[in-house]
């Protein structure tokens, strides 16, 4: 089963993914925790180019195809082999990020992007997508604090430095995608305390696992 985490900057995706992974590993669930960009050998090389705040001259189309190249290799090298071995895959960002950021945010044609995503992933779609939804000012404040604390304001701050209007478009894009596919998306209020967010993510994944007939025995 492929579980993806989506949301704007500072929504808490990575924290939620890590907490969910800890919970599942405690119950001896075989899983893989990965991310985009940077979850494969190619992506680790591209991550700096895509996220460095000094890369202001990177065009929208160049950005798009770099993300797609990472995704194509990530699926081939990491995600599909893990799924075929029976692991649950938790992925921090996936194809919906392209629709939200390069589509709604940058203004590229979303139907064109859907076709490109289909090619890059080989048709591999998430079984469930956890959308961590948070107001833009809150998310950007969190992201800014995180980057200051980790010293990554430059090395991973390119999207954080986009305009407020850009981030609002991205958020609305995610919400539109969730409305289009309510059976796949679970929308989580990410303005809550982190423990509550993690529990709601767990509940959504448990429901998806039940649908797939693969739920562990809960204590």
C-alpha atoms as a PDB file:
ATOM      1  CA  UNK A   1       0.000   0.000   0.000  1.00  0.00           C
ATOM      2  CA  UNK A   2       1.267   3.457  -0.946  1.00  0.00           C
ATOM      3  CA  UNK A   3       0.492   6.245   1.550  1.00  0.00           C
ATOM      4  CA  UNK A   4       1.399   9.791   0.526  1.00  0.00           C
ATOM      5  CA  UNK A   5       1.618  12.963   2.621  1.00  0.00           C
ATOM      6  CA  UNK A   6       0.815  16.306   1.006  1.00  0.00           C
ATOM      7  CA  UNK A   7       0.457  19.916   2.114  1.00  0.00           C
ATOM      8  CA  UNK A   8       1.884  23.407   1.865  1.00  0.00           C
ATOM      9  CA  UNK A   9       5.187  24.473   3.382  1.00  0.00           C
ATOM     10  CA  UNK A  10       5.126  24.088   7.160  1.00  0.00           C
ATOM     11  CA  UNK A  11       2.065  21.844   7.224  1.00  0.00           C
ATOM     12  CA  UNK A  12       3.884  19.186   9.249  1.00  0.00           C
ATOM     13  CA  UNK A  13       4.038  16.419   6.645  1.00  0.00           C
ATOM     14  CA  UNK A  14       7.475  15.171   7.575  1.00  0.00           C
ATOM     15  CA  UNK A  15       6.696  15.132  11.295  1.00  0.00           C
ATOM     16  CA  UNK A  16       3.432  13.263  10.723  1.00  0.00           C
ATOM     17  CA  UNK A  17       5.130  10.751   8.423  1.00  0.00           C
ATOM     18  CA  UNK A  18       7.861  10.078  10.970  1.00  0.00           C
ATOM     19  CA  UNK A  19       5.386   9.644  13.829  1.00  0.00           C
ATOM     20  CA  UNK A  20       3.220   7.291  11.791  1.00  0.00           C
ATOM     21  CA  UNK A  21       6.288   5.277  10.800  1.00  0.00           C
ATOM     22  CA  UNK A  22       7.284   4.954  14.464  1.00  0.00           C
ATOM     23  CA  UNK A  23       3.811   3.729  15.394  1.00  0.00           C
ATOM     24  CA  UNK A  24       3.732   1.122  12.632  1.00  0.00           C
ATOM     25  CA  UNK A  25       7.276  -0.070  13.292  1.00  0.00           C
ATOM     26  CA  UNK A  26       6.397  -0.557  16.971  1.00  0.00           C
ATOM     27  CA  UNK A  27       3.745  -2.987  15.737  1.00  0.00           C
ATOM     28  CA  UNK A  28       6.278  -4.746  13.498  1.00  0.00           C
ATOM     29  CA  UNK A  29       4.680  -3.493  10.291  1.00  0.00           C
ATOM     30  CA  UNK A  30       7.107  -3.824   7.386  1.00  0.00           C
ATOM     31  CA  UNK A  31       7.377  -0.362   5.868  1.00  0.00           C
ATOM     32  CA  UNK A  32       9.517   2.064   3.941  1.00  0.00           C
ATOM     33  CA  UNK A  33       9.613   5.788   4.727  1.00  0.00           C
ATOM     34  CA  UNK A  34      10.728   7.929   1.801  1.00  0.00           C
ATOM     35  CA  UNK A  35      10.330  11.415   0.327  1.00  0.00           C
ATOM     36  CA  UNK A  36      10.374  13.589  -2.769  1.00  0.00           C
ATOM     37  CA  UNK A  37      12.651  15.073  -3.829  1.00  0.00           C
ATOM     38  CA  UNK A  38      15.566  13.089  -2.462  1.00  0.00           C
ATOM     39  CA  UNK A  39      14.244   9.575  -1.888  1.00  0.00           C
ATOM     40  CA  UNK A  40      16.494   8.010  -4.523  1.00  0.00           C
ATOM     41  CA  UNK A  41      20.052   8.479  -5.744  1.00  0.00           C
ATOM     42  CA  UNK A  42      19.038  10.846  -8.542  1.00  0.00           C
ATOM     43  CA  UNK A  43      16.738  12.847  -6.287  1.00  0.00           C
ATOM     44  CA  UNK A  44      19.442  13.407  -3.699  1.00  0.00           C
ATOM     45  CA  UNK A  45      21.442  15.148  -6.390  1.00  0.00           C
ATOM     46  CA  UNK A  46      18.479  17.173  -7.648  1.00  0.00           C
ATOM     47  CA  UNK A  47      17.191  18.245  -4.231  1.00  0.00           C
ATOM     48  CA  UNK A  48      19.762  21.023  -3.862  1.00  0.00           C
ATOM     49  CA  UNK A  49      18.934  22.461  -7.286  1.00  0.00           C
ATOM     50  CA  UNK A  50      15.183  22.369  -6.646  1.00  0.00           C
ATOM     51  CA  UNK A  51      15.108  23.731  -3.104  1.00  0.00           C
ATOM     52  CA  UNK A  52      18.046  26.122  -2.825  1.00  0.00           C
ATOM     53  CA  UNK A  53      16.754  29.668  -2.366  1.00  0.00           C
ATOM     54  CA  UNK A  54      19.519  30.998  -4.600  1.00  0.00           C
ATOM     55  CA  UNK A  55      18.009  29.192  -7.609  1.00  0.00           C
ATOM     56  CA  UNK A  56      15.743  32.077  -8.590  1.00  0.00           C
ATOM     57  CA  UNK A  57      16.474  31.679 -12.301  1.00  0.00           C
ATOM     58  CA  UNK A  58      15.105  28.131 -12.527  1.00  0.00           C
ATOM     59  CA  UNK A  59      12.168  28.286 -14.952  1.00  0.00           C
ATOM     60  CA  UNK A  60       8.792  26.746 -14.143  1.00  0.00           C
ATOM     61  CA  UNK A  61       9.182  24.136 -16.887  1.00  0.00           C
ATOM     62  CA  UNK A  62      12.723  23.231 -15.877  1.00  0.00           C
ATOM     63  CA  UNK A  63      11.510  22.873 -12.286  1.00  0.00           C
ATOM     64  CA  UNK A  64       8.658  20.656 -13.466  1.00  0.00           C
ATOM     65  CA  UNK A  65      10.838  18.250 -15.426  1.00  0.00           C
ATOM     66  CA  UNK A  66      13.426  17.968 -12.669  1.00  0.00           C
ATOM     67  CA  UNK A  67      10.701  16.942 -10.215  1.00  0.00           C
ATOM     68  CA  UNK A  68       9.323  14.468 -12.764  1.00  0.00           C
ATOM     69  CA  UNK A  69      12.762  12.969 -13.399  1.00  0.00           C
ATOM     70  CA  UNK A  70      13.191  12.441  -9.671  1.00  0.00           C
ATOM     71  CA  UNK A  71       9.727  10.854  -9.454  1.00  0.00           C
ATOM     72  CA  UNK A  72      10.302   8.488 -12.356  1.00  0.00           C
ATOM     73  CA  UNK A  73      13.548   7.218 -10.849  1.00  0.00           C
ATOM     74  CA  UNK A  74      12.102   7.153  -7.332  1.00  0.00           C
ATOM     75  CA  UNK A  75       9.238   4.901  -8.400  1.00  0.00           C
ATOM     76  CA  UNK A  76      11.547   2.597 -10.376  1.00  0.00           C
ATOM     77  CA  UNK A  77      14.379   2.408  -7.867  1.00  0.00           C
ATOM     78  CA  UNK A  78      12.597   2.633  -4.515  1.00  0.00           C
ATOM     79  CA  UNK A  79       8.794   2.679  -4.347  1.00  0.00           C
ATOM     80  CA  UNK A  80       7.730  -0.068  -6.731  1.00  0.00           C
ATOM     81  CA  UNK A  81      10.314  -2.619  -5.471  1.00  0.00           C
ATOM     82  CA  UNK A  82       9.204  -1.940  -1.880  1.00  0.00           C
ATOM     83  CA  UNK A  83       5.539  -2.435  -2.751  1.00  0.00           C
ATOM     84  CA  UNK A  84       6.313  -5.623  -4.662  1.00  0.00           C
ATOM     85  CA  UNK A  85       8.154  -6.979  -1.614  1.00  0.00           C
ATOM     86  CA  UNK A  86       5.013  -6.421   0.488  1.00  0.00           C
ATOM     87  CA  UNK A  87       6.069  -3.274   2.344  1.00  0.00           C
ATOM     88  CA  UNK A  88       3.805  -0.347   3.144  1.00  0.00           C
ATOM     89  CA  UNK A  89       5.372   2.771   1.633  1.00  0.00           C
ATOM     90  CA  UNK A  90       4.998   6.147   3.365  1.00  0.00           C
ATOM     91  CA  UNK A  91       6.033   8.922   0.975  1.00  0.00           C
ATOM     92  CA  UNK A  92       6.464  12.585   1.946  1.00  0.00           C
ATOM     93  CA  UNK A  93       5.189  14.281  -1.263  1.00  0.00           C
ATOM     94  CA  UNK A  94       4.320  12.582  -4.530  1.00  0.00           C
ATOM     95  CA  UNK A  95       2.424  13.334  -7.745  1.00  0.00           C
ATOM     96  CA  UNK A  96      -0.181  15.653  -6.164  1.00  0.00           C
ATOM     97  CA  UNK A  97       2.615  18.069  -5.292  1.00  0.00           C
ATOM     98  CA  UNK A  98       3.189  18.636  -9.004  1.00  0.00           C
ATOM     99  CA  UNK A  99      -0.483  19.414  -9.577  1.00  0.00           C
ATOM    100  CA  UNK A 100      -0.635  21.768  -6.585  1.00  0.00           C
ATOM    101  CA  UNK A 101       2.685  23.577  -6.984  1.00  0.00           C
ATOM    102  CA  UNK A 102       3.433  23.577 -10.697  1.00  0.00           C
ATOM    103  CA  UNK A 103      -0.248  23.514 -11.699  1.00  0.00           C
ATOM    104  CA  UNK A 104      -2.215  25.702  -9.315  1.00  0.00           C
ATOM    105  CA  UNK A 105       0.824  27.575  -8.009  1.00  0.00           C
ATOM    106  CA  UNK A 106       2.799  28.182 -11.214  1.00  0.00           C
ATOM    107  CA  UNK A 107      -0.174  28.172 -13.573  1.00  0.00           C
ATOM    108  CA  UNK A 108       0.848  25.229 -15.779  1.00  0.00           C
ATOM    109  CA  UNK A 109      -1.972  23.229 -17.375  1.00  0.00           C
ATOM    110  CA  UNK A 110      -3.144  20.603 -14.888  1.00  0.00           C
ATOM    111  CA  UNK A 111      -4.363  18.103 -17.492  1.00  0.00           C
ATOM    112  CA  UNK A 112      -0.929  18.250 -19.132  1.00  0.00           C
ATOM    113  CA  UNK A 113       0.621  17.679 -15.709  1.00  0.00           C
ATOM    114  CA  UNK A 114      -1.637  14.688 -15.059  1.00  0.00           C
ATOM    115  CA  UNK A 115      -0.406  13.053 -18.260  1.00  0.00           C
ATOM    116  CA  UNK A 116       3.201  13.718 -17.317  1.00  0.00           C
ATOM    117  CA  UNK A 117       2.647  12.300 -13.831  1.00  0.00           C
ATOM    118  CA  UNK A 118       1.086   9.179 -15.359  1.00  0.00           C
ATOM    119  CA  UNK A 119       4.192   8.689 -17.482  1.00  0.00           C
ATOM    120  CA  UNK A 120       6.643   9.418 -14.662  1.00  0.00           C
ATOM    121  CA  UNK A 121       4.956   7.050 -12.196  1.00  0.00           C
ATOM    122  CA  UNK A 122       4.056   4.323 -14.682  1.00  0.00           C
ATOM    123  CA  UNK A 123       0.476   4.704 -13.480  1.00  0.00           C
ATOM    124  CA  UNK A 124       1.313   4.077  -9.822  1.00  0.00           C
ATOM    125  CA  UNK A 125      -1.247   6.010  -7.757  1.00  0.00           C
ATOM    126  CA  UNK A 126      -1.440   6.315  -3.952  1.00  0.00           C
ATOM    127  CA  UNK A 127      -3.902   4.128  -2.076  1.00  0.00           C
ATOM    128  CA  UNK A 128      -4.466   6.978   0.364  1.00  0.00           C
ATOM    129  CA  UNK A 129      -3.254  10.571   0.485  1.00  0.00           C
ATOM    130  CA  UNK A 130      -3.092  12.417   3.783  1.00  0.00           C
ATOM    131  CA  UNK A 131      -3.533  16.129   3.097  1.00  0.00           C
ATOM    132  CA  UNK A 132      -2.300  18.160   6.050  1.00  0.00           C
ATOM    133  CA  UNK A 133      -4.215  21.395   5.659  1.00  0.00           C
ATOM    134  CA  UNK A 134      -3.157  24.542   7.491  1.00  0.00           C
ATOM    135  CA  UNK A 135      -3.699  28.266   6.868  1.00  0.00           C
ATOM    136  CA  UNK A 136      -0.869  29.727   4.811  1.00  0.00           C
ATOM    137  CA  UNK A 137       0.392  32.272   7.410  1.00  0.00           C
ATOM    138  CA  UNK A 138       0.616  29.516  10.018  1.00  0.00           C
ATOM    139  CA  UNK A 139       2.433  27.155   7.667  1.00  0.00           C
ATOM    140  CA  UNK A 140       4.948  29.754   6.525  1.00  0.00           C
ATOM    141  CA  UNK A 141       5.646  30.801  10.114  1.00  0.00           C
ATOM    142  CA  UNK A 142       6.349  27.189  11.029  1.00  0.00           C
ATOM    143  CA  UNK A 143       8.530  26.661   7.956  1.00  0.00           C
ATOM    144  CA  UNK A 144      10.512  29.798   8.708  1.00  0.00           C
ATOM    145  CA  UNK A 145      11.117  28.751  12.300  1.00  0.00           C
ATOM    146  CA  UNK A 146      12.133  25.234  11.196  1.00  0.00           C
ATOM    147  CA  UNK A 147      14.589  26.560   8.628  1.00  0.00           C
ATOM    148  CA  UNK A 148      16.136  28.979  11.110  1.00  0.00           C
ATOM    149  CA  UNK A 149      16.546  26.217  13.691  1.00  0.00           C
ATOM    150  CA  UNK A 150      18.071  23.785  11.181  1.00  0.00           C
ATOM    151  CA  UNK A 151      20.109  26.356   9.282  1.00  0.00           C
ATOM    152  CA  UNK A 152      18.372  25.528   5.988  1.00  0.00           C
ATOM    153  CA  UNK A 153      16.774  28.892   5.178  1.00  0.00           C
ATOM    154  CA  UNK A 154      18.997  29.170   2.108  1.00  0.00           C
ATOM    155  CA  UNK A 155      19.678  25.548   1.166  1.00  0.00           C
ATOM    156  CA  UNK A 156      15.995  24.491   1.319  1.00  0.00           C
ATOM    157  CA  UNK A 157      14.076  27.760   1.320  1.00  0.00           C
ATOM    158  CA  UNK A 158      13.277  28.418  -2.345  1.00  0.00           C
ATOM    159  CA  UNK A 159       9.563  27.650  -2.075  1.00  0.00           C
ATOM    160  CA  UNK A 160       9.253  29.314   1.330  1.00  0.00           C
ATOM    161  CA  UNK A 161      10.356  32.577  -0.279  1.00  0.00           C
ATOM    162  CA  UNK A 162       7.512  32.553  -2.831  1.00  0.00           C
ATOM    163  CA  UNK A 163       4.725  35.125  -2.472  1.00  0.00           C
ATOM    164  CA  UNK A 164       1.793  34.714  -0.128  1.00  0.00           C
ATOM    165  CA  UNK A 165      -0.489  34.578  -3.186  1.00  0.00           C
ATOM    166  CA  UNK A 166       1.511  31.637  -4.570  1.00  0.00           C
ATOM    167  CA  UNK A 167       1.089  29.647  -1.364  1.00  0.00           C
ATOM    168  CA  UNK A 168      -2.622  30.466  -1.220  1.00  0.00           C
ATOM    169  CA  UNK A 169      -3.011  29.079  -4.758  1.00  0.00           C
ATOM    170  CA  UNK A 170      -1.151  25.934  -3.766  1.00  0.00           C
ATOM    171  CA  UNK A 171      -3.368  25.436  -0.733  1.00  0.00           C
ATOM    172  CA  UNK A 172      -6.538  25.957  -2.746  1.00  0.00           C
ATOM    173  CA  UNK A 173      -5.180  23.560  -5.350  1.00  0.00           C
ATOM    174  CA  UNK A 174      -4.721  20.845  -2.749  1.00  0.00           C
ATOM    175  CA  UNK A 175      -8.235  21.415  -1.427  1.00  0.00           C
ATOM    176  CA  UNK A 176      -9.640  21.191  -4.962  1.00  0.00           C
ATOM    177  CA  UNK A 177      -7.795  17.916  -5.564  1.00  0.00           C
ATOM    178  CA  UNK A 178      -9.206  16.498  -2.327  1.00  0.00           C
ATOM    179  CA  UNK A 179     -12.736  17.424  -3.407  1.00  0.00           C
ATOM    180  CA  UNK A 180     -12.195  15.676  -6.741  1.00  0.00           C
ATOM    181  CA  UNK A 181     -11.100  12.416  -5.076  1.00  0.00           C
ATOM    182  CA  UNK A 182     -12.685  12.205  -1.617  1.00  0.00           C
ATOM    183  CA  UNK A 183     -12.252   8.424  -1.490  1.00  0.00           C
ATOM    184  CA  UNK A 184      -8.459   8.749  -1.756  1.00  0.00           C
ATOM    185  CA  UNK A 185      -7.823  11.917   0.247  1.00  0.00           C
ATOM    186  CA  UNK A 186      -8.078  12.276   4.001  1.00  0.00           C
ATOM    187  CA  UNK A 187      -7.952  15.968   4.904  1.00  0.00           C
ATOM    188  CA  UNK A 188      -6.350  16.549   8.295  1.00  0.00           C
ATOM    189  CA  UNK A 189      -6.556  19.846  10.190  1.00  0.00           C
ATOM    190  CA  UNK A 190      -2.828  20.405  10.675  1.00  0.00           C
ATOM    191  CA  UNK A 191      -3.269  23.466  12.894  1.00  0.00           C
ATOM    192  CA  UNK A 192      -3.967  21.073  15.793  1.00  0.00           C
ATOM    193  CA  UNK A 193      -1.271  19.823  18.198  1.00  0.00           C
ATOM    194  CA  UNK A 194       1.128  17.440  16.497  1.00  0.00           C
ATOM    195  CA  UNK A 195      -0.057  14.455  18.545  1.00  0.00           C
ATOM    196  CA  UNK A 196      -3.660  14.982  17.419  1.00  0.00           C
ATOM    197  CA  UNK A 197      -2.561  15.299  13.795  1.00  0.00           C
ATOM    198  CA  UNK A 198      -0.609  12.044  14.043  1.00  0.00           C
ATOM    199  CA  UNK A 199      -3.566  10.200  15.572  1.00  0.00           C
ATOM    200  CA  UNK A 200      -5.878  11.363  12.785  1.00  0.00           C
ATOM    201  CA  UNK A 201      -3.332  10.240  10.193  1.00  0.00           C
ATOM    202  CA  UNK A 202      -3.162   6.860  11.906  1.00  0.00           C
ATOM    203  CA  UNK A 203      -6.944   6.526  11.943  1.00  0.00           C
ATOM    204  CA  UNK A 204      -7.152   7.297   8.206  1.00  0.00           C
ATOM    205  CA  UNK A 205      -4.440   4.752   7.396  1.00  0.00           C
ATOM    206  CA  UNK A 206      -6.111   2.113   9.574  1.00  0.00           C
ATOM    207  CA  UNK A 207      -9.312   2.547   7.563  1.00  0.00           C
ATOM    208  CA  UNK A 208      -7.390   2.182   4.322  1.00  0.00           C
ATOM    209  CA  UNK A 209      -5.643  -0.927   5.600  1.00  0.00           C
ATOM    210  CA  UNK A 210      -8.991  -2.454   6.554  1.00  0.00           C
ATOM    211  CA  UNK A 211     -10.227  -1.820   3.033  1.00  0.00           C
ATOM    212  CA  UNK A 212      -7.153  -3.670   1.782  1.00  0.00           C
ATOM    213  CA  UNK A 213      -7.600  -6.479   4.296  1.00  0.00           C
ATOM    214  CA  UNK A 214      -4.160  -5.877   5.789  1.00  0.00           C
ATOM    215  CA  UNK A 215      -4.756  -4.437   9.246  1.00  0.00           C
ATOM    216  CA  UNK A 216      -2.631  -5.565  12.186  1.00  0.00           C
ATOM    217  CA  UNK A 217      -4.300  -6.511  15.432  1.00  0.00           C
ATOM    218  CA  UNK A 218      -4.772  -3.222  17.304  1.00  0.00           C
ATOM    219  CA  UNK A 219      -4.009  -3.370  21.061  1.00  0.00           C
END
